[in-house]
Amino acid sequence: VDAAEGPLPQTRYVLSKALAMRLPTVLVINKVDRQDARPEE
């Protein structure tokens, strides 16, 4: 997930398929060096 843009609509589609198959997840918040990064939000 982009540290500035956050999760977008198409993220939801693939994630819903993955969770329906009970697949565990590792979350990577990328581009935390961007000036407009907001990783906590």
PDB file of all heavy atoms in Angstrom:
ATOM      1  N   VAL A   1       0.852  -1.191   0.000  1.00  0.00           N
ATOM      2  CA  VAL A   1       0.000   0.000   0.000  1.00  0.00           C
ATOM      3  C   VAL A   1       0.888   1.242   0.000  1.00  0.00           C
ATOM      4  O   VAL A   1       1.890   1.293   0.707  1.00  0.00           O
ATOM      5  CB  VAL A   1      -0.937   0.011   1.235  1.00  0.00           C
ATOM      6  CG1 VAL A   1      -1.803   1.254   1.232  1.00  0.00           C
ATOM      7  CG2 VAL A   1      -1.815  -1.228   1.251  1.00  0.00           C
ATOM      8  N   ASP A   2       0.515   2.229  -0.795  1.00  0.00           N
ATOM      9  CA  ASP A   2       1.273   3.480  -0.881  1.00  0.00           C
ATOM     10  C   ASP A   2       1.066   4.298   0.394  1.00  0.00           C
ATOM     11  O   ASP A   2      -0.065   4.467   0.856  1.00  0.00           O
ATOM     12  CB  ASP A   2       0.815   4.270  -2.103  1.00  0.00           C
ATOM     13  CG  ASP A   2       1.719   5.440  -2.411  1.00  0.00           C
ATOM     14  OD1 ASP A   2       1.688   6.430  -1.638  1.00  0.00           O
ATOM     15  OD2 ASP A   2       2.452   5.385  -3.415  1.00  0.00           O
ATOM     16  N   ALA A   3       2.159   4.835   0.948  1.00  0.00           N
ATOM     17  CA  ALA A   3       2.095   5.571   2.211  1.00  0.00           C
ATOM     18  C   ALA A   3       1.347   6.885   2.091  1.00  0.00           C
ATOM     19  O   ALA A   3       0.939   7.459   3.109  1.00  0.00           O
ATOM     20  CB  ALA A   3       3.506   5.838   2.738  1.00  0.00           C
ATOM     21  N   ALA A   4       1.151   7.388   0.871  1.00  0.00           N
ATOM     22  CA  ALA A   4       0.400   8.631   0.686  1.00  0.00           C
ATOM     23  C   ALA A   4      -1.021   8.356   0.199  1.00  0.00           C
ATOM     24  O   ALA A   4      -1.974   8.972   0.668  1.00  0.00           O
ATOM     25  CB  ALA A   4       1.127   9.543  -0.311  1.00  0.00           C
ATOM     26  N   GLU A   5      -1.185   7.421  -0.727  1.00  0.00           N
ATOM     27  CA  GLU A   5      -2.494   7.205  -1.342  1.00  0.00           C
ATOM     28  C   GLU A   5      -3.392   6.294  -0.522  1.00  0.00           C
ATOM     29  O   GLU A   5      -4.615   6.373  -0.610  1.00  0.00           O
ATOM     30  CB  GLU A   5      -2.312   6.621  -2.749  1.00  0.00           C
ATOM     31  CG  GLU A   5      -1.593   7.561  -3.695  1.00  0.00           C
ATOM     32  CD  GLU A   5      -1.344   6.932  -5.049  1.00  0.00           C
ATOM     33  OE1 GLU A   5      -1.595   5.716  -5.187  1.00  0.00           O
ATOM     34  OE2 GLU A   5      -0.903   7.647  -5.964  1.00  0.00           O
ATOM     35  N   GLY A   6      -2.799   5.382   0.257  1.00  0.00           N
ATOM     36  CA  GLY A   6      -3.607   4.439   1.024  1.00  0.00           C
ATOM     37  C   GLY A   6      -4.212   3.364   0.141  1.00  0.00           C
ATOM     38  O   GLY A   6      -3.937   3.306  -1.059  1.00  0.00           O
ATOM     39  N   PRO A   7      -5.068   2.530   0.703  1.00  0.00           N
ATOM     40  CA  PRO A   7      -5.686   1.459  -0.099  1.00  0.00           C
ATOM     41  C   PRO A   7      -6.696   2.036  -1.091  1.00  0.00           C
ATOM     42  O   PRO A   7      -7.492   2.899  -0.736  1.00  0.00           O
ATOM     43  CB  PRO A   7      -6.371   0.571   0.941  1.00  0.00           C
ATOM     44  CG  PRO A   7      -6.604   1.474   2.118  1.00  0.00           C
ATOM     45  CD  PRO A   7      -5.485   2.472   2.116  1.00  0.00           C
ATOM     46  N   LEU A   8      -6.664   1.552  -2.320  1.00  0.00           N
ATOM     47  CA  LEU A   8      -7.553   2.034  -3.373  1.00  0.00           C
ATOM     48  C   LEU A   8      -8.560   0.940  -3.743  1.00  0.00           C
ATOM     49  O   LEU A   8      -8.458  -0.190  -3.277  1.00  0.00           O
ATOM     50  CB  LEU A   8      -6.734   2.463  -4.588  1.00  0.00           C
ATOM     51  CG  LEU A   8      -5.811   3.675  -4.373  1.00  0.00           C
ATOM     52  CD1 LEU A   8      -5.161   4.077  -5.672  1.00  0.00           C
ATOM     53  CD2 LEU A   8      -6.545   4.856  -3.760  1.00  0.00           C
ATOM     54  N   PRO A   9      -9.561   1.277  -4.568  1.00  0.00           N
ATOM     55  CA  PRO A   9     -10.648   0.325  -4.841  1.00  0.00           C
ATOM     56  C   PRO A   9     -10.191  -1.052  -5.307  1.00  0.00           C
ATOM     57  O   PRO A   9     -10.705  -2.061  -4.861  1.00  0.00           O
ATOM     58  CB  PRO A   9     -11.453   1.038  -5.934  1.00  0.00           C
ATOM     59  CG  PRO A   9     -11.241   2.487  -5.670  1.00  0.00           C
ATOM     60  CD  PRO A   9      -9.838   2.595  -5.177  1.00  0.00           C
ATOM     61  N   GLN A  10      -9.183  -1.101  -6.230  1.00  0.00           N
ATOM     62  CA  GLN A  10      -8.796  -2.407  -6.741  1.00  0.00           C
ATOM     63  C   GLN A  10      -8.073  -3.253  -5.691  1.00  0.00           C
ATOM     64  O   GLN A  10      -8.043  -4.472  -5.798  1.00  0.00           O
ATOM     65  CB  GLN A  10      -7.964  -2.291  -8.016  1.00  0.00           C
ATOM     66  CG  GLN A  10      -6.799  -1.335  -7.965  1.00  0.00           C
ATOM     67  CD  GLN A  10      -7.150   0.044  -8.433  1.00  0.00           C
ATOM     68  OE1 GLN A  10      -8.048   0.668  -7.881  1.00  0.00           O
ATOM     69  NE2 GLN A  10      -6.448   0.567  -9.421  1.00  0.00           N
ATOM     70  N   THR A  11      -7.484  -2.603  -4.657  1.00  0.00           N
ATOM     71  CA  THR A  11      -6.880  -3.357  -3.563  1.00  0.00           C
ATOM     72  C   THR A  11      -7.937  -4.212  -2.887  1.00  0.00           C
ATOM     73  O   THR A  11      -7.696  -5.363  -2.518  1.00  0.00           O
ATOM     74  CB  THR A  11      -6.260  -2.391  -2.520  1.00  0.00           C
ATOM     75  OG1 THR A  11      -5.471  -1.416  -3.183  1.00  0.00           O
ATOM     76  CG2 THR A  11      -5.419  -3.144  -1.518  1.00  0.00           C
ATOM     77  N   ARG A  12      -9.105  -3.639  -2.725  1.00  0.00           N
ATOM     78  CA  ARG A  12     -10.201  -4.326  -2.042  1.00  0.00           C
ATOM     79  C   ARG A  12     -10.591  -5.618  -2.765  1.00  0.00           C
ATOM     80  O   ARG A  12     -10.844  -6.634  -2.130  1.00  0.00           O
ATOM     81  CB  ARG A  12     -11.405  -3.376  -1.958  1.00  0.00           C
ATOM     82  CG  ARG A  12     -12.595  -3.925  -1.204  1.00  0.00           C
ATOM     83  CD  ARG A  12     -13.794  -2.998  -1.268  1.00  0.00           C
ATOM     84  NE  ARG A  12     -14.831  -3.434  -0.364  1.00  0.00           N
ATOM     85  CZ  ARG A  12     -14.974  -3.017   0.877  1.00  0.00           C
ATOM     86  NH1 ARG A  12     -14.132  -2.117   1.365  1.00  0.00           N
ATOM     87  NH2 ARG A  12     -15.940  -3.482   1.637  1.00  0.00           N
ATOM     88  N   TYR A  13     -10.601  -5.560  -4.112  1.00  0.00           N
ATOM     89  CA  TYR A  13     -11.044  -6.722  -4.881  1.00  0.00           C
ATOM     90  C   TYR A  13     -10.141  -7.933  -4.624  1.00  0.00           C
ATOM     91  O   TYR A  13     -10.604  -9.022  -4.293  1.00  0.00           O
ATOM     92  CB  TYR A  13     -11.068  -6.380  -6.372  1.00  0.00           C
ATOM     93  CG  TYR A  13     -11.409  -7.561  -7.247  1.00  0.00           C
ATOM     94  CD1 TYR A  13     -12.721  -7.996  -7.356  1.00  0.00           C
ATOM     95  CD2 TYR A  13     -10.425  -8.247  -7.944  1.00  0.00           C
ATOM     96  CE1 TYR A  13     -13.051  -9.085  -8.141  1.00  0.00           C
ATOM     97  CE2 TYR A  13     -10.741  -9.338  -8.734  1.00  0.00           C
ATOM     98  CZ  TYR A  13     -12.056  -9.746  -8.824  1.00  0.00           C
ATOM     99  OH  TYR A  13     -12.361 -10.825  -9.590  1.00  0.00           O
ATOM    100  N   VAL A  14      -8.821  -7.747  -4.794  1.00  0.00           N
ATOM    101  CA  VAL A  14      -7.901  -8.882  -4.633  1.00  0.00           C
ATOM    102  C   VAL A  14      -7.840  -9.321  -3.172  1.00  0.00           C
ATOM    103  O   VAL A  14      -7.800 -10.509  -2.869  1.00  0.00           O
ATOM    104  CB  VAL A  14      -6.492  -8.518  -5.149  1.00  0.00           C
ATOM    105  CG1 VAL A  14      -5.586  -9.742  -5.101  1.00  0.00           C
ATOM    106  CG2 VAL A  14      -6.564  -7.989  -6.560  1.00  0.00           C
ATOM    107  N   LEU A  15      -7.858  -8.350  -2.248  1.00  0.00           N
ATOM    108  CA  LEU A  15      -7.800  -8.708  -0.830  1.00  0.00           C
ATOM    109  C   LEU A  15      -9.031  -9.502  -0.408  1.00  0.00           C
ATOM    110  O   LEU A  15      -8.936 -10.450   0.387  1.00  0.00           O
ATOM    111  CB  LEU A  15      -7.660  -7.436   0.016  1.00  0.00           C
ATOM    112  CG  LEU A  15      -7.443  -7.666   1.513  1.00  0.00           C
ATOM    113  CD1 LEU A  15      -6.160  -8.455   1.763  1.00  0.00           C
ATOM    114  CD2 LEU A  15      -7.392  -6.343   2.264  1.00  0.00           C
ATOM    115  N   SER A  16     -10.195  -9.141  -0.938  1.00  0.00           N
ATOM    116  CA  SER A  16     -11.402  -9.893  -0.587  1.00  0.00           C
ATOM    117  C   SER A  16     -11.297 -11.339  -1.060  1.00  0.00           C
ATOM    118  O   SER A  16     -11.706 -12.272  -0.361  1.00  0.00           O
ATOM    119  CB  SER A  16     -12.642  -9.225  -1.212  1.00  0.00           C
ATOM    120  OG  SER A  16     -12.602  -9.302  -2.616  1.00  0.00           O
ATOM    121  N   LYS A  17     -10.710 -11.551  -2.254  1.00  0.00           N
ATOM    122  CA  LYS A  17     -10.504 -12.912  -2.758  1.00  0.00           C
ATOM    123  C   LYS A  17      -9.519 -13.671  -1.857  1.00  0.00           C
ATOM    124  O   LYS A  17      -9.711 -14.850  -1.549  1.00  0.00           O
ATOM    125  CB  LYS A  17      -9.961 -12.872  -4.187  1.00  0.00           C
ATOM    126  CG  LYS A  17     -10.895 -12.251  -5.212  1.00  0.00           C
ATOM    127  CD  LYS A  17     -11.942 -13.234  -5.666  1.00  0.00           C
ATOM    128  CE  LYS A  17     -12.769 -12.669  -6.809  1.00  0.00           C
ATOM    129  NZ  LYS A  17     -13.862 -13.574  -7.211  1.00  0.00           N
ATOM    130  N   ALA A  18      -8.444 -12.989  -1.423  1.00  0.00           N
ATOM    131  CA  ALA A  18      -7.425 -13.641  -0.593  1.00  0.00           C
ATOM    132  C   ALA A  18      -7.983 -14.028   0.772  1.00  0.00           C
ATOM    133  O   ALA A  18      -7.743 -15.139   1.273  1.00  0.00           O
ATOM    134  CB  ALA A  18      -6.218 -12.715  -0.435  1.00  0.00           C
ATOM    135  N   LEU A  19      -8.740 -13.121   1.396  1.00  0.00           N
ATOM    136  CA  LEU A  19      -9.289 -13.414   2.723  1.00  0.00           C
ATOM    137  C   LEU A  19     -10.377 -14.483   2.640  1.00  0.00           C
ATOM    138  O   LEU A  19     -10.560 -15.265   3.580  1.00  0.00           O
ATOM    139  CB  LEU A  19      -9.834 -12.134   3.359  1.00  0.00           C
ATOM    140  CG  LEU A  19      -8.782 -11.079   3.723  1.00  0.00           C
ATOM    141  CD1 LEU A  19      -9.439  -9.856   4.347  1.00  0.00           C
ATOM    142  CD2 LEU A  19      -7.734 -11.650   4.687  1.00  0.00           C
ATOM    143  N   ALA A  20     -11.097 -14.528   1.520  1.00  0.00           N
ATOM    144  CA  ALA A  20     -12.101 -15.583   1.350  1.00  0.00           C
ATOM    145  C   ALA A  20     -11.438 -16.955   1.303  1.00  0.00           C
ATOM    146  O   ALA A  20     -12.039 -17.961   1.698  1.00  0.00           O
ATOM    147  CB  ALA A  20     -12.897 -15.343   0.076  1.00  0.00           C
ATOM    148  N   MET A  21     -10.165 -16.997   0.848  1.00  0.00           N
ATOM    149  CA  MET A  21      -9.412 -18.256   0.816  1.00  0.00           C
ATOM    150  C   MET A  21      -8.596 -18.456   2.092  1.00  0.00           C
ATOM    151  O   MET A  21      -7.783 -19.375   2.165  1.00  0.00           O
ATOM    152  CB  MET A  21      -8.487 -18.265  -0.406  1.00  0.00           C
ATOM    153  CG  MET A  21      -9.234 -18.214  -1.732  1.00  0.00           C
ATOM    154  SD  MET A  21      -8.167 -18.018  -3.178  1.00  0.00           S
ATOM    155  CE  MET A  21      -7.304 -19.580  -3.182  1.00  0.00           C
ATOM    156  N   ARG A  22      -8.797 -17.553   3.082  1.00  0.00           N
ATOM    157  CA  ARG A  22      -8.143 -17.634   4.403  1.00  0.00           C
ATOM    158  C   ARG A  22      -6.620 -17.596   4.297  1.00  0.00           C
ATOM    159  O   ARG A  22      -5.914 -18.339   4.983  1.00  0.00           O
ATOM    160  CB  ARG A  22      -8.580 -18.891   5.165  1.00  0.00           C
ATOM    161  CG  ARG A  22     -10.059 -19.190   5.121  1.00  0.00           C
ATOM    162  CD  ARG A  22     -10.931 -17.968   5.453  1.00  0.00           C
ATOM    163  NE  ARG A  22     -10.697 -17.446   6.766  1.00  0.00           N
ATOM    164  CZ  ARG A  22     -11.296 -17.901   7.866  1.00  0.00           C
ATOM    165  NH1 ARG A  22     -12.175 -18.873   7.777  1.00  0.00           N
ATOM    166  NH2 ARG A  22     -11.040 -17.365   9.036  1.00  0.00           N
ATOM    167  N   LEU A  23      -6.121 -16.705   3.449  1.00  0.00           N
ATOM    168  CA  LEU A  23      -4.675 -16.566   3.282  1.00  0.00           C
ATOM    169  C   LEU A  23      -4.147 -15.487   4.229  1.00  0.00           C
ATOM    170  O   LEU A  23      -4.678 -14.382   4.252  1.00  0.00           O
ATOM    171  CB  LEU A  23      -4.339 -16.180   1.842  1.00  0.00           C
ATOM    172  CG  LEU A  23      -4.721 -17.204   0.761  1.00  0.00           C
ATOM    173  CD1 LEU A  23      -4.444 -16.637  -0.628  1.00  0.00           C
ATOM    174  CD2 LEU A  23      -3.974 -18.509   0.955  1.00  0.00           C
ATOM    175  N   PRO A  24      -3.109 -15.784   5.033  1.00  0.00           N
ATOM    176  CA  PRO A  24      -2.533 -14.764   5.923  1.00  0.00           C
ATOM    177  C   PRO A  24      -1.836 -13.664   5.131  1.00  0.00           C
ATOM    178  O   PRO A  24      -1.429 -13.870   3.983  1.00  0.00           O
ATOM    179  CB  PRO A  24      -1.530 -15.554   6.769  1.00  0.00           C
ATOM    180  CG  PRO A  24      -1.208 -16.765   5.966  1.00  0.00           C
ATOM    181  CD  PRO A  24      -2.433 -17.086   5.158  1.00  0.00           C
ATOM    182  N   THR A  25      -1.705 -12.495   5.782  1.00  0.00           N
ATOM    183  CA  THR A  25      -1.227 -11.299   5.079  1.00  0.00           C
ATOM    184  C   THR A  25      -0.026 -10.684   5.783  1.00  0.00           C
ATOM    185  O   THR A  25       0.046 -10.662   7.014  1.00  0.00           O
ATOM    186  CB  THR A  25      -2.355 -10.252   5.009  1.00  0.00           C
ATOM    187  OG1 THR A  25      -3.507 -10.851   4.409  1.00  0.00           O
ATOM    188  CG2 THR A  25      -1.942  -9.041   4.196  1.00  0.00           C
ATOM    189  N   VAL A  26       0.906 -10.154   4.988  1.00  0.00           N
ATOM    190  CA  VAL A  26       1.977  -9.271   5.477  1.00  0.00           C
ATOM    191  C   VAL A  26       1.722  -7.911   4.826  1.00  0.00           C
ATOM    192  O   VAL A  26       1.638  -7.808   3.598  1.00  0.00           O
ATOM    193  CB  VAL A  26       3.374  -9.794   5.088  1.00  0.00           C
ATOM    194  CG1 VAL A  26       4.446  -8.776   5.467  1.00  0.00           C
ATOM    195  CG2 VAL A  26       3.658 -11.137   5.739  1.00  0.00           C
ATOM    196  N   LEU A  27       1.571  -6.859   5.642  1.00  0.00           N
ATOM    197  CA  LEU A  27       1.296  -5.513   5.122  1.00  0.00           C
ATOM    198  C   LEU A  27       2.603  -4.747   4.945  1.00  0.00           C
ATOM    199  O   LEU A  27       3.410  -4.642   5.878  1.00  0.00           O
ATOM    200  CB  LEU A  27       0.382  -4.751   6.085  1.00  0.00           C
ATOM    201  CG  LEU A  27       0.151  -3.273   5.748  1.00  0.00           C
ATOM    202  CD1 LEU A  27      -0.580  -3.118   4.420  1.00  0.00           C
ATOM    203  CD2 LEU A  27      -0.615  -2.567   6.867  1.00  0.00           C
ATOM    204  N   VAL A  28       2.804  -4.212   3.732  1.00  0.00           N
ATOM    205  CA  VAL A  28       3.964  -3.360   3.449  1.00  0.00           C
ATOM    206  C   VAL A  28       3.446  -1.977   3.081  1.00  0.00           C
ATOM    207  O   VAL A  28       2.721  -1.817   2.091  1.00  0.00           O
ATOM    208  CB  VAL A  28       4.819  -3.926   2.300  1.00  0.00           C
ATOM    209  CG1 VAL A  28       5.984  -2.988   1.994  1.00  0.00           C
ATOM    210  CG2 VAL A  28       5.339  -5.316   2.645  1.00  0.00           C
ATOM    211  N   ILE A  29       3.797  -0.969   3.888  1.00  0.00           N
ATOM    212  CA  ILE A  29       3.470   0.428   3.570  1.00  0.00           C
ATOM    213  C   ILE A  29       4.694   1.013   2.877  1.00  0.00           C
ATOM    214  O   ILE A  29       5.738   1.225   3.501  1.00  0.00           O
ATOM    215  CB  ILE A  29       3.092   1.215   4.841  1.00  0.00           C
ATOM    216  CG1 ILE A  29       1.867   0.578   5.508  1.00  0.00           C
ATOM    217  CG2 ILE A  29       2.814   2.672   4.494  1.00  0.00           C
ATOM    218  CD1 ILE A  29       1.418   1.262   6.773  1.00  0.00           C
ATOM    219  N   ASN A  30       4.559   1.233   1.579  1.00  0.00           N
ATOM    220  CA  ASN A  30       5.697   1.606   0.741  1.00  0.00           C
ATOM    221  C   ASN A  30       5.762   3.125   0.540  1.00  0.00           C
ATOM    222  O   ASN A  30       4.780   3.833   0.749  1.00  0.00           O
ATOM    223  CB  ASN A  30       5.574   0.887  -0.607  1.00  0.00           C
ATOM    224  CG  ASN A  30       6.827   1.034  -1.436  1.00  0.00           C
ATOM    225  OD1 ASN A  30       7.927   1.177  -0.921  1.00  0.00           O
ATOM    226  ND2 ASN A  30       6.671   1.000  -2.762  1.00  0.00           N
ATOM    227  N   LYS A  31       6.925   3.589   0.119  1.00  0.00           N
ATOM    228  CA  LYS A  31       7.180   5.006  -0.194  1.00  0.00           C
ATOM    229  C   LYS A  31       6.974   5.896   1.038  1.00  0.00           C
ATOM    230  O   LYS A  31       6.389   6.980   0.940  1.00  0.00           O
ATOM    231  CB  LYS A  31       6.284   5.477  -1.341  1.00  0.00           C
ATOM    232  CG  LYS A  31       6.470   4.683  -2.632  1.00  0.00           C
ATOM    233  CD  LYS A  31       5.609   5.233  -3.759  1.00  0.00           C
ATOM    234  CE  LYS A  31       5.722   4.384  -5.007  1.00  0.00           C
ATOM    235  NZ  LYS A  31       4.847   4.850  -6.091  1.00  0.00           N
ATOM    236  N   VAL A  32       7.455   5.431   2.193  1.00  0.00           N
ATOM    237  CA  VAL A  32       7.330   6.251   3.404  1.00  0.00           C
ATOM    238  C   VAL A  32       8.240   7.469   3.360  1.00  0.00           C
ATOM    239  O   VAL A  32       8.172   8.333   4.240  1.00  0.00           O
ATOM    240  CB  VAL A  32       7.638   5.406   4.679  1.00  0.00           C
ATOM    241  CG1 VAL A  32       6.562   4.372   4.905  1.00  0.00           C
ATOM    242  CG2 VAL A  32       9.012   4.761   4.603  1.00  0.00           C
ATOM    243  N   ASP A  33       9.097   7.563   2.330  1.00  0.00           N
ATOM    244  CA  ASP A  33       9.977   8.727   2.201  1.00  0.00           C
ATOM    245  C   ASP A  33       9.319   9.860   1.413  1.00  0.00           C
ATOM    246  O   ASP A  33       9.912  10.924   1.249  1.00  0.00           O
ATOM    247  CB  ASP A  33      11.294   8.323   1.528  1.00  0.00           C
ATOM    248  CG  ASP A  33      11.086   7.748   0.125  1.00  0.00           C
ATOM    249  OD1 ASP A  33       9.987   7.214  -0.123  1.00  0.00           O
ATOM    250  OD2 ASP A  33      12.017   7.828  -0.695  1.00  0.00           O
ATOM    251  N   ARG A  34       8.087   9.655   0.925  1.00  0.00           N
ATOM    252  CA  ARG A  34       7.406  10.730   0.198  1.00  0.00           C
ATOM    253  C   ARG A  34       7.113  11.899   1.126  1.00  0.00           C
ATOM    254  O   ARG A  34       6.833  11.711   2.318  1.00  0.00           O
ATOM    255  CB  ARG A  34       6.088  10.214  -0.390  1.00  0.00           C
ATOM    256  CG  ARG A  34       6.246   9.359  -1.619  1.00  0.00           C
ATOM    257  CD  ARG A  34       4.922   8.859  -2.166  1.00  0.00           C
ATOM    258  NE  ARG A  34       3.980   9.938  -2.488  1.00  0.00           N
ATOM    259  CZ  ARG A  34       2.929   9.780  -3.268  1.00  0.00           C
ATOM    260  NH1 ARG A  34       2.686   8.584  -3.819  1.00  0.00           N
ATOM    261  NH2 ARG A  34       2.108  10.781  -3.526  1.00  0.00           N
ATOM    262  N   GLN A  35       7.140  13.112   0.563  1.00  0.00           N
ATOM    263  CA  GLN A  35       6.872  14.296   1.374  1.00  0.00           C
ATOM    264  C   GLN A  35       5.451  14.290   1.925  1.00  0.00           C
ATOM    265  O   GLN A  35       5.197  14.789   3.020  1.00  0.00           O
ATOM    266  CB  GLN A  35       7.099  15.568   0.550  1.00  0.00           C
ATOM    267  CG  GLN A  35       8.574  15.873   0.298  1.00  0.00           C
ATOM    268  CD  GLN A  35       8.757  17.234  -0.347  1.00  0.00           C
ATOM    269  OE1 GLN A  35       7.806  17.795  -0.890  1.00  0.00           O
ATOM    270  NE2 GLN A  35       9.970  17.765  -0.286  1.00  0.00           N
ATOM    271  N   ASP A  36       4.512  13.715   1.150  1.00  0.00           N
ATOM    272  CA  ASP A  36       3.115  13.696   1.594  1.00  0.00           C
ATOM    273  C   ASP A  36       2.733  12.360   2.239  1.00  0.00           C
ATOM    274  O   ASP A  36       1.554  12.029   2.340  1.00  0.00           O
ATOM    275  CB  ASP A  36       2.190  13.993   0.411  1.00  0.00           C
ATOM    276  CG  ASP A  36       2.406  13.032  -0.758  1.00  0.00           C
ATOM    277  OD1 ASP A  36       3.413  12.289  -0.737  1.00  0.00           O
ATOM    278  OD2 ASP A  36       1.575  13.028  -1.687  1.00  0.00           O
ATOM    279  N   ALA A  37       3.739  11.589   2.669  1.00  0.00           N
ATOM    280  CA  ALA A  37       3.455  10.283   3.293  1.00  0.00           C
ATOM    281  C   ALA A  37       2.688  10.492   4.606  1.00  0.00           C
ATOM    282  O   ALA A  37       2.958  11.427   5.367  1.00  0.00           O
ATOM    283  CB  ALA A  37       4.754   9.534   3.554  1.00  0.00           C
ATOM    284  N   ARG A  38       1.738   9.594   4.872  1.00  0.00           N
ATOM    285  CA  ARG A  38       0.944   9.641   6.111  1.00  0.00           C
ATOM    286  C   ARG A  38       0.715   8.200   6.576  1.00  0.00           C
ATOM    287  O   ARG A  38      -0.419   7.710   6.589  1.00  0.00           O
ATOM    288  CB  ARG A  38      -0.372  10.366   5.855  1.00  0.00           C
ATOM    289  CG  ARG A  38      -1.078   9.916   4.593  1.00  0.00           C
ATOM    290  CD  ARG A  38      -2.334  10.697   4.265  1.00  0.00           C
ATOM    291  NE  ARG A  38      -3.065  10.002   3.199  1.00  0.00           N
ATOM    292  CZ  ARG A  38      -4.006   9.081   3.403  1.00  0.00           C
ATOM    293  NH1 ARG A  38      -4.352   8.761   4.640  1.00  0.00           N
ATOM    294  NH2 ARG A  38      -4.598   8.466   2.402  1.00  0.00           N
ATOM    295  N   PRO A  39       1.793   7.507   6.940  1.00  0.00           N
ATOM    296  CA  PRO A  39       1.708   6.060   7.208  1.00  0.00           C
ATOM    297  C   PRO A  39       0.730   5.687   8.325  1.00  0.00           C
ATOM    298  O   PRO A  39       0.059   4.657   8.235  1.00  0.00           O
ATOM    299  CB  PRO A  39       3.146   5.668   7.560  1.00  0.00           C
ATOM    300  CG  PRO A  39       3.849   6.955   7.874  1.00  0.00           C
ATOM    301  CD  PRO A  39       3.177   8.007   7.080  1.00  0.00           C
ATOM    302  N   GLU A  40       0.634   6.528   9.385  1.00  0.00           N
ATOM    303  CA  GLU A  40      -0.283   6.174  10.477  1.00  0.00           C
ATOM    304  C   GLU A  40      -1.740   6.178  10.000  1.00  0.00           C
ATOM    305  O   GLU A  40      -2.505   5.266  10.313  1.00  0.00           O
ATOM    306  CB  GLU A  40      -0.122   7.156  11.666  1.00  0.00           C
ATOM    307  CG  GLU A  40       1.203   7.026  12.396  1.00  0.00           C
ATOM    308  CD  GLU A  40       2.271   7.918  11.778  1.00  0.00           C
ATOM    309  OE1 GLU A  40       1.982   8.565  10.733  1.00  0.00           O
ATOM    310  OE2 GLU A  40       3.397   7.955  12.312  1.00  0.00           O
ATOM    311  N   GLU A  41      -2.107   7.215   9.221  1.00  0.00           N
ATOM    312  CA  GLU A  41      -3.482   7.273   8.704  1.00  0.00           C
ATOM    313  C   GLU A  41      -3.751   6.130   7.731  1.00  0.00           C
ATOM    314  O   GLU A  41      -4.832   5.530   7.737  1.00  0.00           O
ATOM    315  CB  GLU A  41      -3.714   8.619   7.994  1.00  0.00           C
ATOM    316  CG  GLU A  41      -3.678   9.825   8.916  1.00  0.00           C
ATOM    317  CD  GLU A  41      -3.805  11.116   8.118  1.00  0.00           C
ATOM    318  OE1 GLU A  41      -4.608  11.148   7.177  1.00  0.00           O
ATOM    319  OE2 GLU A  41      -3.086  12.081   8.437  1.00  0.00           O
TER     320      GLU A  41
END
